[in-house]
Amino acid sequence: MQGFGFVSYKTLEGAQKCRFESAKHLFRSSHRLLVSQFEQKALRGSRLSEKVDNMAFRRYKHMEQNTKAKGRLEQLRTQLSSKGGQQFLSLLKQMVVARQQSQVRPRGV
């Protein structure tokens, strides 16, 4: 069963109470009532369009950050593939192995 209705409250507090309280109760034991504030169609459309624009902007910024990160990774790969980079990686591996060996302790000590 679907339908809709309009209710007008004399006070803002009464309207807000209705919005919050209606979410807690079921209508005819199985349906929740949706209570929302009236908006003119033009206002609702402009609000929705602003929301869509904000989502598109966040998506753009996220893609921009990913592109920058990919560029930095590519630079790092290039630098590490050079002769100096290979020497650096070899030295780094030796340091990791030495640190792991210094942290190994015999049991019972």
N, C-alpha and C. Protein backbone atom coordinates (compact mmCIF):
# COMPACT_ATOMS: atom_id res chain seq x y z
N MET A 1 0.83 -1.16 0.00
CA MET A 1 0.00 0.00 0.00
C MET A 1 0.89 1.24 0.00
N GLN A 2 0.69 2.12 -0.94
CA GLN A 2 1.48 3.34 -1.03
C GLN A 2 0.54 4.53 -1.04
N GLY A 3 1.03 5.62 -0.57
CA GLY A 3 0.24 6.83 -0.55
C GLY A 3 1.05 7.96 0.01
N PHE A 4 0.45 9.11 0.10
CA PHE A 4 1.13 10.25 0.67
C PHE A 4 0.10 11.18 1.29
N GLY A 5 0.60 12.05 2.15
CA GLY A 5 -0.28 13.00 2.80
C GLY A 5 0.51 14.23 3.20
N PHE A 6 -0.19 15.27 3.53
CA PHE A 6 0.45 16.52 3.94
C PHE A 6 -0.07 16.90 5.32
N VAL A 7 0.84 17.34 6.17
CA VAL A 7 0.48 17.78 7.51
C VAL A 7 1.15 19.12 7.74
N SER A 8 0.43 20.03 8.33
CA SER A 8 0.98 21.35 8.63
C SER A 8 1.04 21.52 10.14
N TYR A 9 2.19 21.87 10.66
CA TYR A 9 2.37 22.08 12.09
C TYR A 9 2.45 23.57 12.39
N LYS A 10 1.95 23.96 13.52
CA LYS A 10 1.96 25.37 13.90
C LYS A 10 3.35 25.81 14.37
N THR A 11 4.10 24.88 14.95
CA THR A 11 5.42 25.24 15.47
C THR A 11 6.50 24.39 14.80
N LEU A 12 7.67 24.96 14.73
CA LEU A 12 8.83 24.24 14.17
C LEU A 12 9.18 23.05 15.05
N GLU A 13 9.05 23.21 16.36
CA GLU A 13 9.38 22.12 17.29
C GLU A 13 8.47 20.92 17.07
N GLY A 14 7.19 21.17 16.84
CA GLY A 14 6.25 20.08 16.58
C GLY A 14 6.58 19.32 15.31
N ALA A 15 6.97 20.07 14.28
CA ALA A 15 7.33 19.43 13.01
C ALA A 15 8.60 18.60 13.17
N GLN A 16 9.58 19.14 13.88
CA GLN A 16 10.83 18.39 14.08
C GLN A 16 10.59 17.14 14.91
N LYS A 17 9.75 17.27 15.93
CA LYS A 17 9.44 16.11 16.76
C LYS A 17 8.78 15.01 15.93
N CYS A 18 7.90 15.40 15.03
CA CYS A 18 7.23 14.43 14.16
C CYS A 18 8.25 13.72 13.27
N ARG A 19 9.17 14.47 12.70
CA ARG A 19 10.18 13.87 11.82
C ARG A 19 11.00 12.82 12.57
N PHE A 20 11.45 13.15 13.78
CA PHE A 20 12.31 12.24 14.53
C PHE A 20 11.53 11.06 15.12
N GLU A 21 10.36 11.32 15.61
CA GLU A 21 9.57 10.27 16.24
C GLU A 21 9.01 9.27 15.21
N SER A 22 8.68 9.74 14.03
CA SER A 22 8.09 8.84 13.03
C SER A 22 9.07 7.77 12.58
N ALA A 23 10.36 8.07 12.65
CA ALA A 23 11.36 7.09 12.25
C ALA A 23 11.43 5.92 13.23
N LYS A 24 10.92 6.11 14.44
CA LYS A 24 11.00 5.07 15.46
C LYS A 24 9.82 4.10 15.42
N HIS A 25 8.76 4.45 14.73
CA HIS A 25 7.54 3.66 14.77
C HIS A 25 7.20 3.06 13.41
N LEU A 26 6.57 1.91 13.44
CA LEU A 26 6.11 1.26 12.23
C LEU A 26 4.64 1.58 12.00
N PHE A 27 4.27 1.73 10.75
CA PHE A 27 2.88 1.97 10.37
C PHE A 27 2.27 0.64 9.95
N ARG A 28 1.19 0.26 10.56
CA ARG A 28 0.53 -1.02 10.30
C ARG A 28 1.50 -2.19 10.45
N SER A 29 2.35 -2.10 11.42
CA SER A 29 3.27 -3.16 11.85
C SER A 29 4.40 -3.49 10.88
N SER A 30 4.47 -2.84 9.71
CA SER A 30 5.54 -3.26 8.80
C SER A 30 6.15 -2.13 7.98
N HIS A 31 5.58 -0.96 7.98
CA HIS A 31 6.08 0.12 7.12
C HIS A 31 6.52 1.32 7.95
N ARG A 32 7.63 1.88 7.58
CA ARG A 32 8.09 3.11 8.23
C ARG A 32 7.53 4.29 7.45
N LEU A 33 7.12 5.29 8.17
CA LEU A 33 6.62 6.51 7.53
C LEU A 33 7.80 7.40 7.18
N LEU A 34 7.77 7.97 6.01
CA LEU A 34 8.78 8.94 5.61
C LEU A 34 8.19 10.32 5.82
N VAL A 35 8.80 11.08 6.70
CA VAL A 35 8.34 12.43 6.98
C VAL A 35 9.47 13.38 6.61
N SER A 36 9.18 14.30 5.72
CA SER A 36 10.21 15.26 5.30
C SER A 36 9.59 16.65 5.21
N GLN A 37 10.47 17.61 5.14
CA GLN A 37 10.04 19.00 5.08
C GLN A 37 9.68 19.35 3.64
N PHE A 38 8.67 20.18 3.48
CA PHE A 38 8.25 20.63 2.16
C PHE A 38 9.32 21.53 1.55
N GLU A 39 9.61 21.29 0.28
CA GLU A 39 10.51 22.16 -0.49
C GLU A 39 9.88 22.43 -1.83
N GLN A 40 10.04 23.63 -2.31
CA GLN A 40 9.57 23.92 -3.65
C GLN A 40 10.44 23.16 -4.64
N LYS A 41 9.85 22.81 -5.78
CA LYS A 41 10.55 21.97 -6.75
C LYS A 41 11.85 22.63 -7.23
N ALA A 42 11.83 23.92 -7.48
CA ALA A 42 13.03 24.62 -7.95
C ALA A 42 14.14 24.57 -6.90
N LEU A 43 13.79 24.76 -5.65
CA LEU A 43 14.78 24.72 -4.57
C LEU A 43 15.34 23.31 -4.42
N ARG A 44 14.47 22.32 -4.46
CA ARG A 44 14.91 20.92 -4.36
C ARG A 44 15.85 20.57 -5.51
N GLY A 45 15.52 21.03 -6.73
CA GLY A 45 16.37 20.75 -7.89
C GLY A 45 17.73 21.41 -7.77
N SER A 46 17.76 22.65 -7.28
CA SER A 46 19.05 23.34 -7.14
C SER A 46 19.91 22.68 -6.07
N ARG A 47 19.26 22.23 -4.98
CA ARG A 47 20.01 21.54 -3.92
C ARG A 47 20.58 20.23 -4.44
N LEU A 48 19.79 19.50 -5.22
CA LEU A 48 20.26 18.25 -5.78
C LEU A 48 21.40 18.49 -6.76
N SER A 49 21.28 19.51 -7.58
CA SER A 49 22.34 19.78 -8.54
C SER A 49 23.64 20.19 -7.83
N GLU A 50 23.53 20.91 -6.72
CA GLU A 50 24.72 21.26 -5.94
C GLU A 50 25.36 20.02 -5.35
N LYS A 51 24.54 19.09 -4.88
CA LYS A 51 25.06 17.84 -4.32
C LYS A 51 25.81 17.04 -5.39
N VAL A 52 25.25 16.98 -6.59
CA VAL A 52 25.89 16.25 -7.70
C VAL A 52 27.21 16.93 -8.06
N ASP A 53 27.23 18.27 -8.10
CA ASP A 53 28.46 18.99 -8.41
C ASP A 53 29.54 18.72 -7.37
N ASN A 54 29.16 18.70 -6.09
CA ASN A 54 30.12 18.42 -5.03
C ASN A 54 30.69 17.01 -5.15
N MET A 55 29.84 16.05 -5.49
CA MET A 55 30.33 14.68 -5.67
C MET A 55 31.30 14.60 -6.84
N ALA A 56 30.98 15.28 -7.94
CA ALA A 56 31.86 15.28 -9.11
C ALA A 56 33.20 15.93 -8.77
N PHE A 57 33.18 17.01 -7.99
CA PHE A 57 34.41 17.69 -7.60
C PHE A 57 35.27 16.79 -6.72
N ARG A 58 34.65 16.10 -5.75
CA ARG A 58 35.42 15.18 -4.90
C ARG A 58 36.04 14.06 -5.73
N ARG A 59 35.28 13.54 -6.70
CA ARG A 59 35.80 12.49 -7.58
C ARG A 59 37.00 13.01 -8.38
N TYR A 60 36.89 14.24 -8.89
CA TYR A 60 37.98 14.85 -9.66
C TYR A 60 39.23 15.00 -8.79
N LYS A 61 39.05 15.52 -7.54
CA LYS A 61 40.20 15.70 -6.66
C LYS A 61 40.86 14.37 -6.32
N HIS A 62 40.04 13.34 -6.12
CA HIS A 62 40.58 12.01 -5.82
C HIS A 62 41.39 11.49 -7.00
N MET A 63 40.87 11.65 -8.21
CA MET A 63 41.59 11.19 -9.40
C MET A 63 42.88 11.99 -9.58
N GLU A 64 42.84 13.29 -9.28
CA GLU A 64 44.03 14.13 -9.39
C GLU A 64 45.11 13.67 -8.43
N GLN A 65 44.71 13.34 -7.19
CA GLN A 65 45.68 12.85 -6.21
C GLN A 65 46.27 11.52 -6.65
N ASN A 66 45.43 10.63 -7.20
CA ASN A 66 45.93 9.35 -7.68
C ASN A 66 46.92 9.53 -8.82
N THR A 67 46.63 10.48 -9.71
CA THR A 67 47.54 10.74 -10.84
C THR A 67 48.88 11.23 -10.34
N LYS A 68 48.87 12.13 -9.35
CA LYS A 68 50.13 12.63 -8.78
C LYS A 68 50.90 11.50 -8.12
N ALA A 69 50.20 10.65 -7.37
CA ALA A 69 50.87 9.54 -6.69
C ALA A 69 51.47 8.57 -7.71
N LYS A 70 50.74 8.30 -8.80
CA LYS A 70 51.27 7.41 -9.83
C LYS A 70 52.52 8.02 -10.46
N GLY A 71 52.52 9.33 -10.66
CA GLY A 71 53.69 10.00 -11.21
C GLY A 71 54.89 9.88 -10.29
N ARG A 72 54.67 10.06 -9.00
CA ARG A 72 55.78 9.93 -8.03
C ARG A 72 56.30 8.50 -8.00
N LEU A 73 55.38 7.51 -8.07
CA LEU A 73 55.82 6.11 -8.09
C LEU A 73 56.66 5.82 -9.34
N GLU A 74 56.23 6.36 -10.46
CA GLU A 74 56.99 6.13 -11.71
C GLU A 74 58.37 6.76 -11.62
N GLN A 75 58.47 7.94 -11.01
CA GLN A 75 59.78 8.57 -10.82
C GLN A 75 60.66 7.71 -9.92
N LEU A 76 60.08 7.19 -8.86
CA LEU A 76 60.82 6.34 -7.94
C LEU A 76 61.29 5.07 -8.63
N ARG A 77 60.42 4.46 -9.44
CA ARG A 77 60.82 3.26 -10.19
C ARG A 77 62.00 3.55 -11.12
N THR A 78 61.92 4.69 -11.79
CA THR A 78 63.00 5.07 -12.71
C THR A 78 64.31 5.27 -11.94
N GLN A 79 64.22 5.96 -10.82
CA GLN A 79 65.42 6.20 -10.03
C GLN A 79 66.00 4.91 -9.47
N LEU A 80 65.13 4.00 -9.03
CA LEU A 80 65.62 2.75 -8.46
C LEU A 80 66.15 1.80 -9.53
N SER A 81 65.71 1.96 -10.76
CA SER A 81 66.21 1.08 -11.82
C SER A 81 67.58 1.51 -12.32
N SER A 82 68.03 2.70 -11.96
CA SER A 82 69.37 3.15 -12.35
C SER A 82 70.43 2.40 -11.53
N LYS A 83 71.70 2.57 -11.91
CA LYS A 83 72.78 1.88 -11.21
C LYS A 83 72.85 2.31 -9.74
N GLY A 84 72.71 3.61 -9.50
CA GLY A 84 72.73 4.12 -8.12
C GLY A 84 71.56 3.59 -7.32
N GLY A 85 70.41 3.47 -7.97
CA GLY A 85 69.23 2.95 -7.31
C GLY A 85 69.40 1.50 -6.93
N GLN A 86 70.02 0.71 -7.80
CA GLN A 86 70.26 -0.70 -7.51
C GLN A 86 71.22 -0.85 -6.32
N GLN A 87 72.24 0.01 -6.27
CA GLN A 87 73.16 -0.03 -5.14
C GLN A 87 72.43 0.35 -3.84
N PHE A 88 71.56 1.33 -3.92
CA PHE A 88 70.78 1.74 -2.76
C PHE A 88 69.91 0.59 -2.27
N LEU A 89 69.22 -0.11 -3.20
CA LEU A 89 68.36 -1.23 -2.81
C LEU A 89 69.17 -2.35 -2.17
N SER A 90 70.35 -2.62 -2.71
CA SER A 90 71.21 -3.66 -2.16
C SER A 90 71.63 -3.30 -0.72
N LEU A 91 72.02 -2.05 -0.52
CA LEU A 91 72.40 -1.59 0.81
C LEU A 91 71.21 -1.66 1.77
N LEU A 92 70.05 -1.28 1.31
CA LEU A 92 68.84 -1.32 2.13
C LEU A 92 68.50 -2.75 2.55
N LYS A 93 68.62 -3.70 1.62
CA LYS A 93 68.36 -5.10 1.94
C LYS A 93 69.34 -5.61 2.99
N GLN A 94 70.61 -5.23 2.88
CA GLN A 94 71.61 -5.65 3.86
C GLN A 94 71.28 -5.09 5.24
N MET A 95 70.82 -3.85 5.29
CA MET A 95 70.46 -3.24 6.56
C MET A 95 69.26 -3.95 7.19
N VAL A 96 68.29 -4.34 6.39
CA VAL A 96 67.11 -5.03 6.90
C VAL A 96 67.51 -6.39 7.47
N VAL A 97 68.35 -7.13 6.74
CA VAL A 97 68.79 -8.44 7.20
C VAL A 97 69.58 -8.30 8.51
N ALA A 98 70.46 -7.30 8.58
CA ALA A 98 71.26 -7.10 9.79
C ALA A 98 70.35 -6.76 10.97
N ARG A 99 69.35 -5.95 10.74
CA ARG A 99 68.43 -5.58 11.83
C ARG A 99 67.63 -6.80 12.30
N GLN A 100 67.18 -7.61 11.36
CA GLN A 100 66.41 -8.80 11.72
C GLN A 100 67.28 -9.77 12.52
N GLN A 101 68.53 -9.91 12.14
CA GLN A 101 69.42 -10.81 12.86
C GLN A 101 69.73 -10.30 14.25
N SER A 102 69.80 -8.99 14.41
CA SER A 102 70.10 -8.44 15.74
C SER A 102 68.90 -8.55 16.67
N GLN A 103 67.70 -8.67 16.10
CA GLN A 103 66.49 -8.78 16.92
C GLN A 103 66.17 -10.20 17.30
N VAL A 104 66.81 -11.19 16.67
CA VAL A 104 66.56 -12.59 16.99
C VAL A 104 67.27 -12.91 18.29
N ARG A 105 66.49 -13.42 19.27
CA ARG A 105 67.07 -13.78 20.57
C ARG A 105 66.84 -15.26 20.80
N PRO A 106 67.79 -15.92 21.38
CA PRO A 106 67.60 -17.34 21.68
C PRO A 106 66.50 -17.52 22.74
N ARG A 107 65.76 -18.61 22.65
CA ARG A 107 64.69 -18.89 23.61
C ARG A 107 65.27 -19.20 24.97
N GLY A 108 64.48 -18.81 26.00
CA GLY A 108 64.88 -19.13 27.37
C GLY A 108 65.82 -18.13 27.96
N VAL A 109 66.18 -17.11 27.25
CA VAL A 109 67.13 -16.11 27.79
C VAL A 109 66.37 -14.94 28.33
